[in-house]
Protein backbone atom coordinates (compact mmCIF):
# COMPACT_ATOMS: atom_id res chain seq x y z
CA UNK A 1 34.69 -10.79 37.15
CA UNK A 2 32.98 -7.52 36.18
CA UNK A 3 34.18 -7.89 32.61
CA UNK A 4 32.60 -11.37 32.32
CA UNK A 5 29.34 -10.08 33.74
CA UNK A 6 29.29 -7.19 31.27
CA UNK A 7 30.00 -9.49 28.34
CA UNK A 8 27.34 -11.94 29.50
CA UNK A 9 24.75 -9.17 29.79
CA UNK A 10 25.56 -7.88 26.27
CA UNK A 11 25.21 -11.39 24.84
CA UNK A 12 21.94 -11.93 26.70
CA UNK A 13 20.58 -8.61 25.46
CA UNK A 14 21.53 -9.44 21.88
CA UNK A 15 19.81 -12.82 22.24
CA UNK A 16 16.62 -11.19 23.49
CA UNK A 17 16.63 -8.69 20.60
CA UNK A 18 17.18 -11.42 18.01
CA UNK A 19 14.42 -13.60 19.49
CA UNK A 20 12.03 -10.64 19.56
CA UNK A 21 12.82 -9.81 15.94
CA UNK A 22 12.20 -13.40 14.87
CA UNK A 23 8.89 -13.55 16.73
CA UNK A 24 7.82 -10.27 15.15
CA UNK A 25 8.70 -11.54 11.68
CA UNK A 26 6.77 -14.77 12.30
CA UNK A 27 3.69 -12.86 13.49
CA UNK A 28 3.85 -10.52 10.49
CA UNK A 29 4.23 -13.45 8.09
CA UNK A 30 1.31 -15.28 9.70
CA UNK A 31 -0.87 -12.17 9.58
CA UNK A 32 -0.04 -11.59 5.91
CA UNK A 33 -0.80 -15.21 5.07
CA UNK A 34 -4.11 -15.34 6.91
CA UNK A 35 -5.38 -11.93 5.87
CA UNK A 36 -4.01 -11.64 2.36
CA UNK A 37 -6.13 -9.13 0.49
CA UNK A 38 -8.08 -8.02 3.53
CA UNK A 39 -5.48 -6.36 5.74
CA UNK A 40 -5.28 -2.66 6.28
CA UNK A 41 -2.29 -0.44 5.89
CA UNK A 42 -0.85 1.04 9.01
CA UNK A 43 -0.66 4.75 9.62
CA UNK A 44 2.48 6.40 8.39
CA UNK A 45 4.05 9.67 7.48
CA UNK A 46 2.37 10.05 4.14
CA UNK A 47 -0.17 12.74 3.55
CA UNK A 48 -2.38 13.68 0.68
CA UNK A 49 -1.70 16.81 -1.22
CA UNK A 50 -4.53 19.26 -1.64
CA UNK A 51 -4.79 18.52 -5.36
CA UNK A 52 -7.66 16.59 -6.76
CA UNK A 53 -8.08 14.95 -10.09
CA UNK A 54 -11.28 14.39 -11.91
CA UNK A 55 -12.19 11.08 -13.44
CA UNK A 56 -14.53 10.29 -16.23
CA UNK A 57 -18.13 9.53 -15.58
CA UNK A 58 -20.07 6.74 -17.14
CA UNK A 59 -22.96 4.40 -16.68
CA UNK A 60 -23.87 2.90 -13.34
CA UNK A 61 -22.26 -0.47 -12.66
CA UNK A 62 -24.08 -3.66 -11.80
CA UNK A 63 -23.02 -3.70 -8.11
CA UNK A 64 -24.64 -0.51 -6.93
CA UNK A 65 -23.81 3.07 -7.62
CA UNK A 66 -20.26 2.56 -8.97
CA UNK A 67 -19.74 4.29 -12.30
CA UNK A 68 -17.86 2.63 -15.13
CA UNK A 69 -14.87 4.55 -16.42
CA UNK A 70 -11.35 5.61 -15.53
CA UNK A 71 -10.89 7.66 -12.38
CA UNK A 72 -7.68 9.42 -11.37
CA UNK A 73 -6.77 9.32 -7.70
CA UNK A 74 -5.33 12.27 -5.86
CA UNK A 75 -1.57 12.76 -5.87
CA UNK A 76 -0.18 11.60 -2.52
CA UNK A 77 3.12 13.08 -1.34
CA UNK A 78 5.44 10.51 0.25
CA UNK A 79 8.93 11.06 1.68
CA UNK A 80 10.22 9.64 -1.63
CA UNK A 81 8.11 11.68 -4.03
CA UNK A 82 4.56 11.80 -5.36
CA UNK A 83 2.39 8.75 -5.98
CA UNK A 84 -0.77 8.74 -8.10
CA UNK A 85 -2.84 5.96 -9.63
CA UNK A 86 -5.93 5.68 -11.80
CA UNK A 87 -8.53 2.94 -11.46
CA UNK A 88 -10.60 1.47 -14.28
CA UNK A 89 -14.07 0.35 -13.26
CA UNK A 90 -15.92 -1.92 -15.68
CA UNK A 91 -19.17 -3.72 -14.95
CA UNK A 92 -19.06 -2.45 -11.37
CA UNK A 93 -15.68 -4.13 -10.72
CA UNK A 94 -12.08 -2.95 -10.58
CA UNK A 95 -10.67 -4.12 -13.91
CA UNK A 96 -7.31 -2.31 -13.85
CA UNK A 97 -5.10 0.02 -11.83
CA UNK A 98 -2.61 2.22 -13.66
CA UNK A 99 0.25 4.13 -12.07
CA UNK A 100 0.25 7.76 -13.24
CA UNK A 101 3.11 8.96 -10.98
CA UNK A 102 5.46 6.84 -8.93
CA UNK A 103 7.90 7.72 -6.20
CA UNK A 104 11.05 9.05 -7.79
CA UNK A 105 13.47 10.34 -5.15
CA UNK A 106 16.71 8.47 -5.75
CA UNK A 107 17.44 5.31 -7.66
CA UNK A 108 16.51 2.96 -4.82
CA UNK A 109 13.05 4.50 -4.50
CA UNK A 110 12.41 3.97 -8.20
CA UNK A 111 13.50 0.33 -7.92
CA UNK A 112 11.24 -0.25 -4.93
CA UNK A 113 8.29 1.39 -6.67
CA UNK A 114 8.86 -0.64 -9.84
CA UNK A 115 8.76 -3.85 -7.79
CA UNK A 116 5.88 -2.93 -5.47
CA UNK A 117 3.46 -1.46 -8.02
CA UNK A 118 2.65 -4.73 -9.85
CA UNK A 119 2.32 -6.57 -6.55
CA UNK A 120 -0.13 -3.97 -5.23
CA UNK A 121 -2.08 -4.02 -8.52
CA UNK A 122 -2.44 -7.80 -8.28
CA UNK A 123 -3.62 -7.65 -4.65
CA UNK A 124 -6.13 -4.90 -5.42
CA UNK A 125 -7.58 -6.74 -8.43
CA UNK A 126 -7.94 -9.90 -6.37
CA UNK A 127 -9.46 -8.16 -3.34
CA UNK A 128 -11.54 -5.69 -5.40
CA UNK A 129 -10.68 -3.12 -2.74
CA UNK A 130 -7.99 -0.68 -1.59
CA UNK A 131 -7.99 -2.50 1.75
CA UNK A 132 -4.94 -4.69 1.15
CA UNK A 133 -1.73 -5.09 3.09
CA UNK A 134 1.26 -2.88 2.39
CA UNK A 135 4.29 -4.43 0.73
CA UNK A 136 7.17 -5.06 3.13
CA UNK A 137 10.12 -2.82 2.33
CA UNK A 138 7.87 -0.48 0.34
CA UNK A 139 5.69 0.97 3.07
CA UNK A 140 5.63 4.58 1.87
CA UNK A 141 5.08 3.55 -1.75
CA UNK A 142 2.30 1.16 -0.70
CA UNK A 143 0.55 3.71 1.48
CA UNK A 144 0.73 6.37 -1.25
CA UNK A 145 -0.57 3.90 -3.84
CA UNK A 146 -3.46 2.77 -1.66
CA UNK A 147 -4.44 6.30 -0.57
CA UNK A 148 -4.50 7.47 -4.19
CA UNK A 149 -6.46 4.37 -5.18
CA UNK A 150 -9.01 4.96 -2.43
CA UNK A 151 -9.61 8.52 -3.62
CA UNK A 152 -10.17 7.23 -7.17
CA UNK A 153 -12.60 4.59 -5.88
CA UNK A 154 -14.44 7.26 -3.90
CA UNK A 155 -14.85 9.34 -7.07
CA UNK A 156 -16.30 6.31 -8.83
CA UNK A 157 -18.72 5.64 -5.99
CA UNK A 158 -17.16 2.18 -5.67
CA UNK A 159 -17.88 0.51 -2.36
CA UNK A 160 -16.52 -2.96 -3.26
């Protein structure tokens, strides 16, 4: 009798865990769908290095005090290596984001970065902001990318 009770409790616990996981996935998917391009990244273990990079200066853009030009973001250290991007501002808008350094610790990290970088670039260009959702499965890469991008936007005086 005790054995049956133990087995039943293990099965019930597994069922609760699976149901909770599915609910969490559904909520995350719904949040991503309804806030695409406007979500914020969650806090993580990434931190900015003390280094700063200087960007070029140019003429004032049409949407305020943003300067046209290419601005290098700070290098952000992630658990999988450094991440750094540069932003190109043209006509007061984000016209391009270029990866200068990508995470490089191990082959899997490089694969993840190679997949996430174009997705992040697309989201940023659409949102015209660094306030986009992180890419699932590439959280550290996403957070490093977006932190570096935000520092480049700050240098440009871009408020989007």
